[in-house]
Amino acid sequence: MLNDLLDALAGQDLGVVLPLLLVFLTLDASVGIGLITPGDGLLLVAGATADSVGEALALIGAGLVACFAGASGGHWLGRRYGSRLRHGRLGRRVGERRWVLAEQLFERNGWALALAYFLPVLHALTPAVAGTVGMPYRRFMPWAMLGSAAWVSTYVTLGALAGEAVRRHAEWLLPVVAAAVIVVLGITAAARRLVSGGRAPRRRSASRPPR
């Protein structure tokens, strides 16, 4: 039954999957959809629908465009309404701890911002936090795009490989899904360790941009 569902998704026209990916990932970091539903799963499912290299590349391209729009929108919202976002209803649901963790990314070099894309929920906060602390757009976006390129490419490719394996061997469904979950958890754990450096960085004032 699950294999039939995968076949049905794979049979969807690329013109259906691409707009969904564009809309979701744009909202992911701009208005906080990623705080509720992390985009990792969507990228995996989208990748699983690709039945050719060309379709996978199209999905990756659409994901990058959407990430650029989402990060730009999130940075602008943070610059204009950072305090309201943090202390509003959604911000309180996210929790102060996650806001502090997002702020702590700015204690480190830009690579930490790039790696944040592999940290579910947290990456959706970083554009707004960047705008709130006054990090210049021109300094933030190169790291954001580097991280989004690695994130989108990795998970779309992983989804495409998993989808292809299951379409060829239906009996491999559960092992393939389990393997994909293990890989995602491993990537997340590695990114978290690299970002934290094995220790919690000092908390800094959100009113002063990083150098």
Protein backbone atom coordinates (compact mmCIF):
# COMPACT_ATOMS: atom_id res chain seq x y z
CA MET A 1 0.00 0.00 0.00
CA LEU A 2 2.80 2.44 0.90
CA ASN A 3 4.58 1.44 -2.29
CA ASP A 4 1.41 2.26 -4.24
CA LEU A 5 1.38 5.68 -2.56
CA LEU A 6 4.99 6.27 -3.56
CA ASP A 7 4.17 5.24 -7.13
CA ALA A 8 1.22 7.67 -7.10
CA LEU A 9 3.45 10.50 -5.89
CA ALA A 10 6.10 9.65 -8.46
CA GLY A 11 3.44 9.82 -11.13
CA GLN A 12 2.57 13.40 -10.26
CA ASP A 13 3.50 15.96 -12.85
CA LEU A 14 6.57 17.99 -11.96
CA GLY A 15 4.38 21.05 -12.40
CA VAL A 16 2.48 19.98 -9.27
CA VAL A 17 5.43 19.08 -7.05
CA LEU A 18 7.57 22.13 -7.87
CA PRO A 19 5.01 24.80 -6.86
CA LEU A 20 4.34 22.99 -3.59
CA LEU A 21 8.05 22.89 -2.85
CA LEU A 22 8.47 26.55 -3.78
CA VAL A 23 5.59 27.70 -1.57
CA PHE A 24 6.49 25.60 1.46
CA LEU A 25 10.21 26.39 1.52
CA THR A 26 9.56 30.07 0.94
CA LEU A 27 7.26 30.11 3.97
CA ASP A 28 9.63 27.82 5.87
CA ALA A 29 12.01 30.56 7.01
CA SER A 30 10.04 33.70 6.19
CA VAL A 31 6.84 33.32 8.21
CA GLY A 32 7.85 30.38 10.37
CA ILE A 33 6.16 27.37 8.78
CA GLY A 34 9.40 25.51 9.41
CA LEU A 35 8.88 26.00 13.14
CA ILE A 36 5.85 23.73 12.94
CA THR A 37 6.68 21.36 10.08
CA PRO A 38 10.41 21.05 9.34
CA GLY A 39 11.27 21.07 5.66
CA ASP A 40 13.54 18.01 5.85
CA GLY A 41 10.63 15.62 5.38
CA LEU A 42 9.22 17.58 2.48
CA LEU A 43 12.57 17.52 0.67
CA LEU A 44 12.83 13.76 1.16
CA VAL A 45 9.31 13.16 -0.14
CA ALA A 46 9.83 15.54 -3.05
CA GLY A 47 13.06 13.79 -3.93
CA ALA A 48 11.30 10.42 -3.80
CA THR A 49 8.91 11.58 -6.53
CA ALA A 50 11.78 12.24 -8.96
CA ASP A 51 12.19 9.44 -11.49
CA SER A 52 15.09 11.00 -13.40
CA VAL A 53 18.21 13.04 -12.78
CA GLY A 54 16.62 15.96 -14.59
CA GLU A 55 13.62 16.01 -12.25
CA ALA A 56 15.86 15.80 -9.20
CA LEU A 57 17.91 18.76 -10.47
CA ALA A 58 14.72 20.72 -11.12
CA LEU A 59 13.59 20.07 -7.54
CA ILE A 60 16.97 21.18 -6.21
CA GLY A 61 16.80 24.35 -8.30
CA ALA A 62 13.30 25.13 -7.08
CA GLY A 63 14.40 24.50 -3.50
CA LEU A 64 17.27 26.95 -3.81
CA VAL A 65 15.03 29.65 -5.24
CA ALA A 66 12.55 29.11 -2.42
CA CYS A 67 15.28 29.16 0.24
CA PHE A 68 16.60 32.45 -1.14
CA ALA A 69 13.12 33.98 -0.98
CA GLY A 70 12.46 32.55 2.48
CA ALA A 71 15.76 33.70 3.97
CA SER A 72 15.34 37.16 2.44
CA GLY A 73 11.81 37.47 3.80
CA GLY A 74 12.82 36.18 7.23
CA HIS A 75 15.72 38.65 7.43
CA TRP A 76 13.43 41.53 6.51
CA LEU A 77 10.78 40.48 9.05
CA GLY A 78 13.43 40.17 11.74
CA ARG A 79 14.76 43.63 10.98
CA ARG A 80 11.27 45.14 11.11
CA TYR A 81 9.44 43.06 13.69
CA GLY A 82 12.06 40.96 15.51
CA SER A 83 10.88 41.66 19.04
CA ARG A 84 7.22 41.14 18.14
CA LEU A 85 7.98 37.83 16.46
CA ARG A 86 9.95 36.58 19.42
CA HIS A 87 7.46 37.58 22.08
CA GLY A 88 4.30 36.89 20.08
CA ARG A 89 2.16 33.78 20.33
CA LEU A 90 4.19 31.75 17.83
CA GLY A 91 7.46 32.92 19.36
CA ARG A 92 6.34 31.79 22.81
CA ARG A 93 5.35 28.40 21.40
CA VAL A 94 8.80 28.02 19.88
CA GLY A 95 10.31 28.61 23.31
CA GLU A 96 12.96 30.99 24.60
CA ARG A 97 15.59 28.24 24.56
CA ARG A 98 15.38 27.88 20.79
CA TRP A 99 15.58 31.62 20.28
CA VAL A 100 18.71 31.72 22.44
CA LEU A 101 20.23 28.82 20.49
CA ALA A 102 19.58 30.70 17.25
CA GLU A 103 21.24 33.80 18.70
CA GLN A 104 24.25 31.75 19.74
CA LEU A 105 24.91 30.85 16.11
CA PHE A 106 26.10 34.42 15.68
CA GLU A 107 28.82 33.83 18.28
CA ARG A 108 30.56 31.66 15.70
CA ASN A 109 31.77 32.05 12.15
CA GLY A 110 29.43 32.01 9.18
CA TRP A 111 29.78 28.26 8.74
CA ALA A 112 27.58 27.82 11.80
CA LEU A 113 24.79 29.67 9.99
CA ALA A 114 25.22 27.39 7.01
CA LEU A 115 25.15 24.24 9.15
CA ALA A 116 21.99 25.50 10.88
CA TYR A 117 20.03 24.40 7.81
CA PHE A 118 20.58 20.82 8.98
CA LEU A 119 19.04 21.60 12.40
CA PRO A 120 15.24 21.26 12.18
CA VAL A 121 13.24 24.21 13.57
CA LEU A 122 16.39 26.16 14.44
CA HIS A 123 17.19 26.98 10.83
CA ALA A 124 13.76 28.54 10.42
CA LEU A 125 14.67 31.07 13.13
CA THR A 126 18.08 32.15 11.90
CA PRO A 127 16.96 34.59 9.15
CA ALA A 128 14.68 36.45 11.57
CA VAL A 129 17.39 36.48 14.25
CA ALA A 130 19.94 37.73 11.72
CA GLY A 131 17.67 40.65 10.92
CA THR A 132 16.92 41.27 14.60
CA VAL A 133 20.57 41.48 15.68
CA GLY A 134 21.40 43.69 12.71
CA MET A 135 23.55 41.30 10.71
CA PRO A 136 23.86 42.90 7.24
CA TYR A 137 21.87 41.18 4.52
CA ARG A 138 24.93 40.99 2.26
CA ARG A 139 26.86 39.19 4.97
CA PHE A 140 24.06 36.83 5.93
CA MET A 141 22.83 35.67 2.54
CA PRO A 142 26.02 34.01 1.20
CA TRP A 143 26.14 31.75 4.24
CA ALA A 144 22.40 31.15 4.08
CA MET A 145 22.62 30.13 0.43
CA LEU A 146 25.64 27.91 1.05
CA GLY A 147 23.75 26.11 3.79
CA SER A 148 20.52 25.86 1.82
CA ALA A 149 22.35 24.50 -1.23
CA ALA A 150 23.91 21.73 0.85
CA TRP A 151 20.64 21.03 2.69
CA VAL A 152 18.38 20.90 -0.36
CA SER A 153 20.85 18.92 -2.47
CA THR A 154 21.50 16.37 0.28
CA TYR A 155 17.89 15.61 1.15
CA VAL A 156 16.47 15.70 -2.37
CA THR A 157 19.23 13.33 -3.48
CA LEU A 158 18.65 11.05 -0.50
CA GLY A 159 14.91 11.00 -1.21
CA ALA A 160 15.52 10.29 -4.90
CA LEU A 161 17.82 7.37 -4.12
CA ALA A 162 15.35 5.96 -1.60
CA GLY A 163 12.42 6.35 -3.98
CA GLU A 164 14.28 4.67 -6.81
CA ALA A 165 15.30 1.76 -4.60
CA VAL A 166 11.73 1.18 -3.43
CA ARG A 167 10.29 1.41 -6.93
CA ARG A 168 12.75 -1.23 -8.12
CA HIS A 169 12.39 -3.45 -5.05
CA ALA A 170 9.07 -3.00 -3.26
CA GLU A 171 10.12 -5.42 -0.53
CA TRP A 172 12.89 -3.01 0.49
CA LEU A 173 10.43 -0.35 1.64
CA LEU A 174 10.88 -0.66 5.40
CA PRO A 175 14.68 -1.09 5.32
CA VAL A 176 15.02 1.88 2.95
CA VAL A 177 12.82 4.09 5.13
CA ALA A 178 14.72 3.01 8.25
CA ALA A 179 18.04 3.72 6.55
CA ALA A 180 16.86 7.17 5.44
CA VAL A 181 15.75 8.02 8.98
CA ILE A 182 19.10 6.88 10.39
CA VAL A 183 20.99 8.97 7.84
CA VAL A 184 18.89 12.07 8.63
CA LEU A 185 19.38 11.61 12.38
CA GLY A 186 23.11 11.14 11.83
CA ILE A 187 23.39 14.30 9.74
CA THR A 188 21.43 16.28 12.32
CA ALA A 189 23.57 15.01 15.19
CA ALA A 190 26.79 15.78 13.30
CA ALA A 191 25.61 19.29 12.42
CA ARG A 192 24.57 19.96 16.02
CA ARG A 193 27.94 18.81 17.31
CA LEU A 194 29.85 20.94 14.81
CA VAL A 195 27.75 24.01 15.55
CA SER A 196 28.07 23.65 19.32
CA GLY A 197 31.75 22.73 19.16
CA GLY A 198 31.13 20.49 22.15
CA ARG A 199 30.37 23.43 24.40
CA ALA A 200 27.72 26.10 24.78
CA PRO A 201 28.85 29.49 23.44
CA ARG A 202 28.45 32.59 25.54
CA ARG A 203 25.21 34.43 25.28
CA ARG A 204 25.55 37.84 23.76
CA SER A 205 23.35 40.87 23.44
CA ALA A 206 20.86 40.68 20.57
CA SER A 207 21.18 44.39 19.97
CA ARG A 208 24.70 44.31 18.55
CA PRO A 209 25.47 42.66 15.19
CA PRO A 210 28.38 40.22 14.89
CA ARG A 211 31.69 41.45 13.50
